[in-house]
Amino acid sequence: MSLECASCDVYACRVGRVDATPDDCPMRGPFPSLEELYDTDGARRLLYHSALVEAEGYGRWTRVREIAELAHRMEYHRLGVVSCPDMGMEADLAARALRRMGLDVVVAAPFEDCDPVGQALLLAEEHTHFNVLAGMCVGHDSLFIRHSRAPVTSLVVRDLRLAHNPAAALYTREGYSKTALYGRREPPVPGTFGGWSDELIADTARAVSDAAAGRETPPCRVEEIMDFARRSGVSHMGIVFCVGFRREARDLEAILQTNGFRVSSSCCKTGAVPKATIGIKDEEQVTPGKPEMICNPVAQSSLLEDEGVELMLLLGQCAGHDSATMASLSVPAVCVVAKDRVLAHNTVAALYRP
């Protein structure tokens, strides 16, 4: 078996054709059932309602609207919004947008210094049902996810070089961003990673942030992720991606491999389970009348952790699917791109416009 979904040319899982997948596809071997992976009512409800929101708002709802819709359907009435100090404006704008959509929102105002663990504890005391990332440094998002007691989703991914539109680095990797992404760097050394701790994540995030602050031109999100991985001793990264991000996943894989990292990747349609299996009707699909498979975020994370990845990269998952991935992980997760089908994944644009 091989976990290289980003390199797949077939994507037969998307239409349920396990027989047409490559010979080394993980679905060719023993594969965990949906019942095993989603063994609680809450996990199954999140899978179900995330799929409904995906279909109903497909190409019409911005990311912030999708998050609000999912919160209402899941009865997540009280939301927390978190950010790092330099993203306070974006956090406030996100809170206003969510309040306009009928939700009770608590902003975990960033302290003078970044303190994602403290913010997670504050929101736990506020009894939030759903927490929204509105721009955190690389590694600080990992710490917050690790300590949040409520499910987490990503709205804004902090990228100081690209005005918080990190997908732009992937789209310009052979042009404007080429030097930034492929500049000469020391390659990671396999076998040097010693395991994660809160202290390691916090210290590494601080070092990455300090290094970025010392540059005339700030690094983009992907640069910072590679710096974070190197400083942590990570040499093997996993990419969890939506099938709609298969081009972006392949581009990200190419960037990471060129920089010396080993990369494994898992597509959301892994398992090839029809949506009808969880009670979704044909008319509730993105494209009625055609076979559609349910996104399988827990399978994605489980397969990659079995592969031994040391750091998980979340790339373009639907709202709610990213929550399920984050909740199931034992290794830290870093957000690369939050998906927004309306705004070409520039999620923050919905907050800036009136």
Protein backbone atom coordinates (compact mmCIF):
# COMPACT_ATOMS: atom_id res chain seq x y z
CA MET A 1 0.00 0.00 0.00
CA SER A 2 1.03 3.57 -0.59
CA LEU A 3 -0.40 6.78 0.85
CA GLU A 4 0.24 9.07 -2.08
CA CYS A 5 -3.24 10.28 -2.96
CA ALA A 6 -1.88 13.63 -4.13
CA SER A 7 -0.01 11.79 -6.89
CA CYS A 8 -2.98 9.66 -7.98
CA ASP A 9 -4.10 10.06 -11.60
CA VAL A 10 -7.31 8.05 -11.20
CA TYR A 11 -9.31 9.23 -8.15
CA ALA A 12 -11.68 6.31 -8.70
CA CYS A 13 -12.60 6.57 -5.01
CA ARG A 14 -14.57 9.69 -5.91
CA VAL A 15 -17.19 7.60 -7.74
CA GLY A 16 -16.92 4.46 -5.60
CA ARG A 17 -14.85 2.40 -8.03
CA VAL A 18 -12.47 0.64 -5.65
CA ASP A 19 -11.80 -1.92 -8.39
CA ALA A 20 -10.38 0.84 -10.59
CA THR A 21 -7.96 2.25 -8.01
CA PRO A 22 -4.17 1.76 -8.38
CA ASP A 23 -2.80 -1.54 -7.14
CA ASP A 24 -1.02 0.15 -4.23
CA CYS A 25 -4.08 2.14 -3.07
CA PRO A 26 -4.78 1.65 0.66
CA MET A 27 -8.39 0.73 -0.16
CA ARG A 28 -7.07 -2.49 -1.75
CA GLY A 29 -6.19 -3.80 1.69
CA PRO A 30 -8.11 -4.01 4.97
CA PHE A 31 -9.91 -0.70 5.44
CA PRO A 32 -11.70 0.59 8.56
CA SER A 33 -15.49 0.77 8.32
CA LEU A 34 -17.50 3.94 8.83
CA GLU A 35 -18.99 2.38 11.98
CA GLU A 36 -15.52 1.89 13.45
CA LEU A 37 -14.33 5.39 12.58
CA TYR A 38 -17.45 7.31 13.66
CA ASP A 39 -18.49 5.39 16.74
CA THR A 40 -20.47 8.14 18.50
CA ASP A 41 -23.69 9.95 17.62
CA GLY A 42 -21.86 13.28 17.68
CA ALA A 43 -19.23 12.13 15.19
CA ARG A 44 -21.87 10.76 12.81
CA ARG A 45 -24.01 13.92 13.10
CA LEU A 46 -21.02 16.09 12.25
CA LEU A 47 -20.26 13.96 9.20
CA TYR A 48 -23.91 14.13 8.08
CA HIS A 49 -24.45 17.86 8.57
CA SER A 50 -21.07 18.79 7.09
CA ALA A 51 -22.08 16.97 3.92
CA LEU A 52 -25.45 18.74 3.80
CA VAL A 53 -23.83 22.16 4.21
CA GLU A 54 -21.30 21.30 1.52
CA ALA A 55 -24.06 20.44 -0.96
CA GLU A 56 -26.52 23.20 -0.17
CA GLY A 57 -23.94 25.98 -0.18
CA TYR A 58 -21.71 24.61 -2.93
CA GLY A 59 -20.31 27.56 -4.85
CA ARG A 60 -22.80 29.94 -3.17
CA TRP A 61 -21.80 30.24 0.49
CA THR A 62 -18.54 31.74 1.70
CA ARG A 63 -16.53 29.92 4.34
CA VAL A 64 -17.89 32.09 7.14
CA ARG A 65 -21.46 31.38 6.00
CA GLU A 66 -20.74 27.63 5.86
CA ILE A 67 -19.41 27.72 9.42
CA ALA A 68 -22.51 29.54 10.61
CA GLU A 69 -24.84 27.11 8.83
CA LEU A 70 -23.00 24.11 10.25
CA ALA A 71 -23.12 25.60 13.75
CA HIS A 72 -26.89 26.08 13.56
CA ARG A 73 -27.51 22.54 12.28
CA MET A 74 -25.25 21.00 14.92
CA GLU A 75 -26.82 23.21 17.61
CA TYR A 76 -23.48 24.82 18.35
CA HIS A 77 -25.07 28.03 19.59
CA ARG A 78 -22.06 29.49 21.41
CA LEU A 79 -18.92 29.96 19.33
CA GLY A 80 -15.39 30.94 20.28
CA VAL A 81 -13.14 32.93 17.94
CA VAL A 82 -9.35 32.89 18.43
CA SER A 83 -6.39 34.56 16.80
CA CYS A 84 -2.85 35.70 17.47
CA PRO A 85 -2.36 39.34 18.58
CA ASP A 86 -1.62 40.73 15.10
CA MET A 87 -4.88 39.20 13.79
CA GLY A 88 -7.16 40.87 16.31
CA MET A 89 -8.97 42.90 13.65
CA GLU A 90 -9.76 39.78 11.62
CA ALA A 91 -11.00 38.00 14.75
CA ASP A 92 -13.33 40.89 15.56
CA LEU A 93 -14.63 40.97 11.98
CA ALA A 94 -15.24 37.22 12.07
CA ALA A 95 -17.13 37.56 15.35
CA ARG A 96 -19.32 40.32 13.92
CA ALA A 97 -20.11 38.27 10.82
CA LEU A 98 -21.08 35.22 12.89
CA ARG A 99 -23.21 37.32 15.23
CA ARG A 100 -25.08 38.75 12.25
CA MET A 101 -25.89 35.15 11.37
CA GLY A 102 -27.57 34.60 14.72
CA LEU A 103 -24.79 33.07 16.81
CA ASP A 104 -23.53 33.91 20.30
CA VAL A 105 -19.80 34.59 19.90
CA VAL A 106 -17.00 34.90 22.44
CA VAL A 107 -13.70 36.35 21.24
CA ALA A 108 -10.73 34.98 23.15
CA ALA A 109 -8.88 38.27 22.89
CA PRO A 110 -5.21 37.54 22.30
CA PHE A 111 -2.97 38.43 25.19
CA GLU A 112 0.05 40.72 24.72
CA ASP A 113 1.95 37.62 23.74
CA CYS A 114 0.58 34.57 21.96
CA ASP A 115 -0.98 32.11 24.41
CA PRO A 116 -3.07 29.54 22.53
CA VAL A 117 -3.31 27.22 25.54
CA GLY A 118 -4.62 30.07 27.69
CA GLN A 119 -7.13 30.97 24.99
CA ALA A 120 -8.33 27.35 24.84
CA LEU A 121 -8.82 27.31 28.61
CA LEU A 122 -10.65 30.65 28.51
CA LEU A 123 -13.12 29.33 25.92
CA ALA A 124 -13.59 26.15 27.94
CA GLU A 125 -14.61 28.34 30.88
CA GLU A 126 -17.01 30.19 28.55
CA HIS A 127 -18.53 26.81 27.55
CA THR A 128 -18.24 27.38 23.81
CA HIS A 129 -19.63 24.61 21.59
CA PHE A 130 -17.51 25.31 18.49
CA ASN A 131 -14.22 27.21 18.16
CA VAL A 132 -13.11 29.11 15.06
CA LEU A 133 -9.51 29.83 14.09
CA ALA A 134 -9.30 33.39 12.76
CA GLY A 135 -5.57 33.67 12.15
CA MET A 136 -2.91 32.00 14.30
CA CYS A 137 0.83 31.58 13.83
CA VAL A 138 2.15 28.25 12.61
CA GLY A 139 2.30 26.03 15.69
CA HIS A 140 -0.01 28.20 17.76
CA ASP A 141 -2.92 26.76 15.80
CA SER A 142 -1.53 23.30 16.66
CA LEU A 143 -1.45 24.13 20.37
CA PHE A 144 -4.95 25.58 20.38
CA ILE A 145 -6.36 22.53 18.55
CA ARG A 146 -4.55 20.26 21.00
CA HIS A 147 -6.15 21.94 24.03
CA SER A 148 -9.57 22.98 22.76
CA ARG A 149 -12.39 21.12 24.48
CA ALA A 150 -14.85 22.01 21.70
CA PRO A 151 -14.58 21.06 18.01
CA VAL A 152 -12.42 23.45 15.97
CA THR A 153 -12.71 24.74 12.41
CA SER A 154 -10.52 27.09 10.42
CA LEU A 155 -11.79 30.36 8.95
CA VAL A 156 -8.73 32.54 8.36
CA VAL A 157 -5.21 31.16 7.91
CA ARG A 158 -2.58 33.74 8.85
CA ASP A 159 -0.20 34.59 6.01
CA LEU A 160 1.49 37.98 6.39
CA ARG A 161 3.17 37.86 2.97
CA LEU A 162 -0.03 37.11 1.04
CA ALA A 163 -2.58 39.10 3.07
CA HIS A 164 -3.94 35.89 4.62
CA ASN A 165 -4.55 34.20 1.26
CA PRO A 166 -2.10 31.27 1.62
CA ALA A 167 -3.44 29.41 -1.43
CA ALA A 168 -1.81 32.09 -3.60
CA ALA A 169 1.63 30.61 -2.85
CA LEU A 170 0.58 27.32 -4.44
CA TYR A 171 -0.88 29.04 -7.50
CA THR A 172 2.31 31.07 -8.06
CA ARG A 173 4.87 28.45 -7.08
CA GLU A 174 6.41 28.45 -10.56
CA GLY A 175 6.29 32.25 -10.84
CA TYR A 176 6.26 34.99 -8.22
CA SER A 177 6.64 32.60 -5.28
CA LYS A 178 9.31 30.37 -6.79
CA THR A 179 12.30 31.91 -5.01
CA ALA A 180 10.49 31.99 -1.67
CA LEU A 181 9.37 28.36 -1.86
CA TYR A 182 12.42 26.79 -3.49
CA GLY A 183 15.21 28.95 -2.06
CA ARG A 184 18.24 27.04 -0.84
CA ARG A 185 17.67 25.64 2.65
CA GLU A 186 19.18 22.92 4.76
CA PRO A 187 17.21 19.69 4.14
CA PRO A 188 15.57 17.94 7.11
CA VAL A 189 17.48 15.05 8.66
CA PRO A 190 15.36 11.87 8.92
CA GLY A 191 15.42 10.15 12.29
CA THR A 192 16.10 13.25 14.38
CA PHE A 193 12.51 13.86 15.47
CA GLY A 194 12.10 13.01 19.15
CA GLY A 195 8.36 13.38 19.65
CA TRP A 196 6.01 16.24 20.45
CA SER A 197 5.38 18.17 23.63
CA ASP A 198 3.60 21.45 24.30
CA GLU A 199 6.96 23.00 25.13
CA LEU A 200 8.51 21.94 21.82
CA ILE A 201 5.55 23.28 19.82
CA ALA A 202 5.53 26.60 21.72
CA ASP A 203 9.31 27.10 21.54
CA THR A 204 9.43 26.24 17.84
CA ALA A 205 6.47 28.48 17.03
CA ARG A 206 8.23 31.32 18.85
CA ALA A 207 11.47 30.74 16.92
CA VAL A 208 9.60 30.72 13.59
CA SER A 209 7.73 33.89 14.49
CA ASP A 210 10.93 35.66 15.62
CA ALA A 211 12.74 34.67 12.43
CA ALA A 212 9.85 35.99 10.33
CA ALA A 213 9.79 39.29 12.22
CA GLY A 214 13.44 39.84 11.36
CA ARG A 215 12.84 39.70 7.61
CA GLU A 216 12.17 42.72 5.44
CA THR A 217 9.65 40.69 3.41
CA PRO A 218 7.65 38.32 5.63
CA PRO A 219 7.54 34.63 4.70
CA CYS A 220 4.38 33.05 3.35
CA ARG A 221 2.48 30.38 5.28
CA VAL A 222 4.08 27.46 3.43
CA GLU A 223 7.57 28.83 4.13
CA GLU A 224 6.77 29.13 7.83
CA ILE A 225 5.41 25.57 7.93
CA MET A 226 8.65 24.22 6.46
CA ASP A 227 10.68 26.28 8.95
CA PHE A 228 8.52 24.98 11.80
CA ALA A 229 9.01 21.38 10.65
CA ARG A 230 12.80 21.72 10.30
CA ARG A 231 13.24 23.35 13.68
CA SER A 232 11.15 20.57 15.27
CA GLY A 233 13.18 17.81 13.64
CA VAL A 234 10.25 16.73 11.45
CA SER A 235 11.13 15.05 8.16
CA HIS A 236 7.83 13.25 7.32
CA MET A 237 4.68 15.30 6.78
CA GLY A 238 1.14 14.23 5.95
CA ILE A 239 -1.33 16.16 3.79
CA VAL A 240 -5.04 15.76 4.49
CA PHE A 241 -6.87 17.25 1.53
CA CYS A 242 -10.27 17.59 -0.12
CA VAL A 243 -10.62 15.97 -3.55
CA GLY A 244 -11.41 19.44 -4.91
CA PHE A 245 -7.88 20.39 -3.83
CA ARG A 246 -6.11 17.60 -5.70
CA ARG A 247 -4.14 20.06 -7.85
CA GLU A 248 -3.16 22.12 -4.80
CA ALA A 249 -2.23 18.94 -2.91
CA ARG A 250 0.06 17.87 -5.74
CA ASP A 251 1.66 21.33 -5.80
CA LEU A 252 2.18 21.33 -2.03
CA GLU A 253 3.63 17.83 -2.19
CA ALA A 254 6.08 18.97 -4.89
CA ILE A 255 7.19 21.96 -2.82
CA LEU A 256 7.76 19.86 0.30
CA GLN A 257 9.58 17.07 -1.54
CA THR A 258 11.83 19.52 -3.35
CA ASN A 259 12.75 20.91 0.07
CA GLY A 260 13.75 17.45 1.28
CA PHE A 261 10.66 16.28 3.18
CA ARG A 262 9.04 12.90 2.90
CA VAL A 263 5.33 13.38 2.15
CA SER A 264 2.31 11.11 2.54
CA SER A 265 -1.17 12.27 1.54
CA SER A 266 -4.77 11.19 1.89
CA CYS A 267 -7.81 12.26 -0.16
CA CYS A 268 -11.19 12.91 1.46
CA LYS A 269 -12.99 10.23 -0.60
CA THR A 270 -10.81 7.45 0.76
CA GLY A 271 -12.94 4.44 1.64
CA ALA A 272 -15.36 5.13 -1.26
CA VAL A 273 -18.45 5.07 0.98
CA PRO A 274 -21.69 6.25 -0.73
CA LYS A 275 -23.39 9.22 0.92
CA ALA A 276 -26.60 7.18 1.15
CA THR A 277 -24.85 5.07 3.80
CA ILE A 278 -25.27 7.87 6.34
CA GLY A 279 -28.78 8.81 5.23
CA ILE A 280 -28.11 11.51 2.65
CA LYS A 281 -30.75 11.49 -0.09
CA ASP A 282 -29.95 11.81 -3.77
CA GLU A 283 -31.49 15.29 -3.93
CA GLU A 284 -29.25 16.33 -1.00
CA GLN A 285 -26.06 15.61 -2.91
CA VAL A 286 -23.84 18.18 -4.64
CA THR A 287 -24.80 16.62 -7.99
CA PRO A 288 -28.06 14.64 -7.74
CA GLY A 289 -28.35 11.65 -10.03
CA LYS A 290 -24.65 10.78 -9.87
CA PRO A 291 -22.72 8.56 -7.44
CA GLU A 292 -21.23 10.61 -4.61
CA MET A 293 -19.02 9.37 -1.82
CA ILE A 294 -19.00 10.79 1.68
CA CYS A 295 -15.90 12.67 2.81
CA ASN A 296 -14.05 10.51 5.31
CA PRO A 297 -11.84 12.79 7.44
CA VAL A 298 -11.23 10.36 10.31
CA ALA A 299 -10.07 7.70 7.86
CA GLN A 300 -7.68 10.23 6.33
CA SER A 301 -6.06 11.08 9.64
CA SER A 302 -6.01 7.44 10.79
CA LEU A 303 -4.29 6.22 7.64
CA LEU A 304 -1.65 8.93 7.78
CA GLU A 305 -0.92 8.38 11.46
CA ASP A 306 -0.49 4.66 10.74
CA GLU A 307 2.00 5.73 8.06
CA GLY A 308 4.03 7.44 10.78
CA VAL A 309 3.73 11.08 9.73
CA GLU A 310 5.15 13.49 12.28
CA LEU A 311 3.15 16.61 11.37
CA MET A 312 -0.29 16.87 9.72
CA LEU A 313 -1.10 19.58 7.20
CA LEU A 314 -4.78 20.45 6.66
CA LEU A 315 -5.42 21.52 3.08
CA GLY A 316 -8.83 22.71 1.94
CA GLN A 317 -11.18 20.52 3.96
CA CYS A 318 -14.85 21.48 4.22
CA ALA A 319 -16.06 23.13 7.42
CA GLY A 320 -16.74 20.29 9.83
CA HIS A 321 -14.59 17.79 8.01
CA ASP A 322 -11.54 19.66 9.27
CA SER A 323 -13.10 19.54 12.76
CA ALA A 324 -13.37 15.75 12.60
CA THR A 325 -9.76 15.46 11.44
CA MET A 326 -8.46 17.71 14.20
CA ALA A 327 -10.41 15.86 16.88
CA SER A 328 -9.05 12.48 15.81
CA LEU A 329 -5.34 13.34 15.61
CA SER A 330 -2.59 12.49 18.05
CA VAL A 331 0.09 14.39 16.09
CA PRO A 332 -0.12 18.20 15.78
CA ALA A 333 -2.12 19.71 12.93
CA VAL A 334 -1.21 22.89 11.06
CA CYS A 335 -3.70 24.68 8.80
CA VAL A 336 -2.37 25.45 5.31
CA VAL A 337 -5.49 26.64 3.44
CA ALA A 338 -9.11 27.02 4.52
CA LYS A 339 -11.48 26.30 1.64
CA ASP A 340 -13.81 28.95 0.23
CA ARG A 341 -15.40 27.96 -3.09
CA VAL A 342 -16.87 31.44 -3.60
CA LEU A 343 -13.70 33.47 -3.00
CA ALA A 344 -11.07 31.14 -4.51
CA HIS A 345 -10.02 30.21 -0.96
CA ASN A 346 -9.31 33.82 0.04
CA THR A 347 -11.56 33.39 3.08
CA VAL A 348 -10.67 36.67 4.74
CA ALA A 349 -12.15 38.69 1.83
CA ALA A 350 -15.66 37.92 3.09
CA LEU A 351 -14.82 39.68 6.35
CA TYR A 352 -13.29 42.81 4.84
CA ARG A 353 -16.14 43.59 2.48
CA PRO A 354 -19.20 45.37 3.93
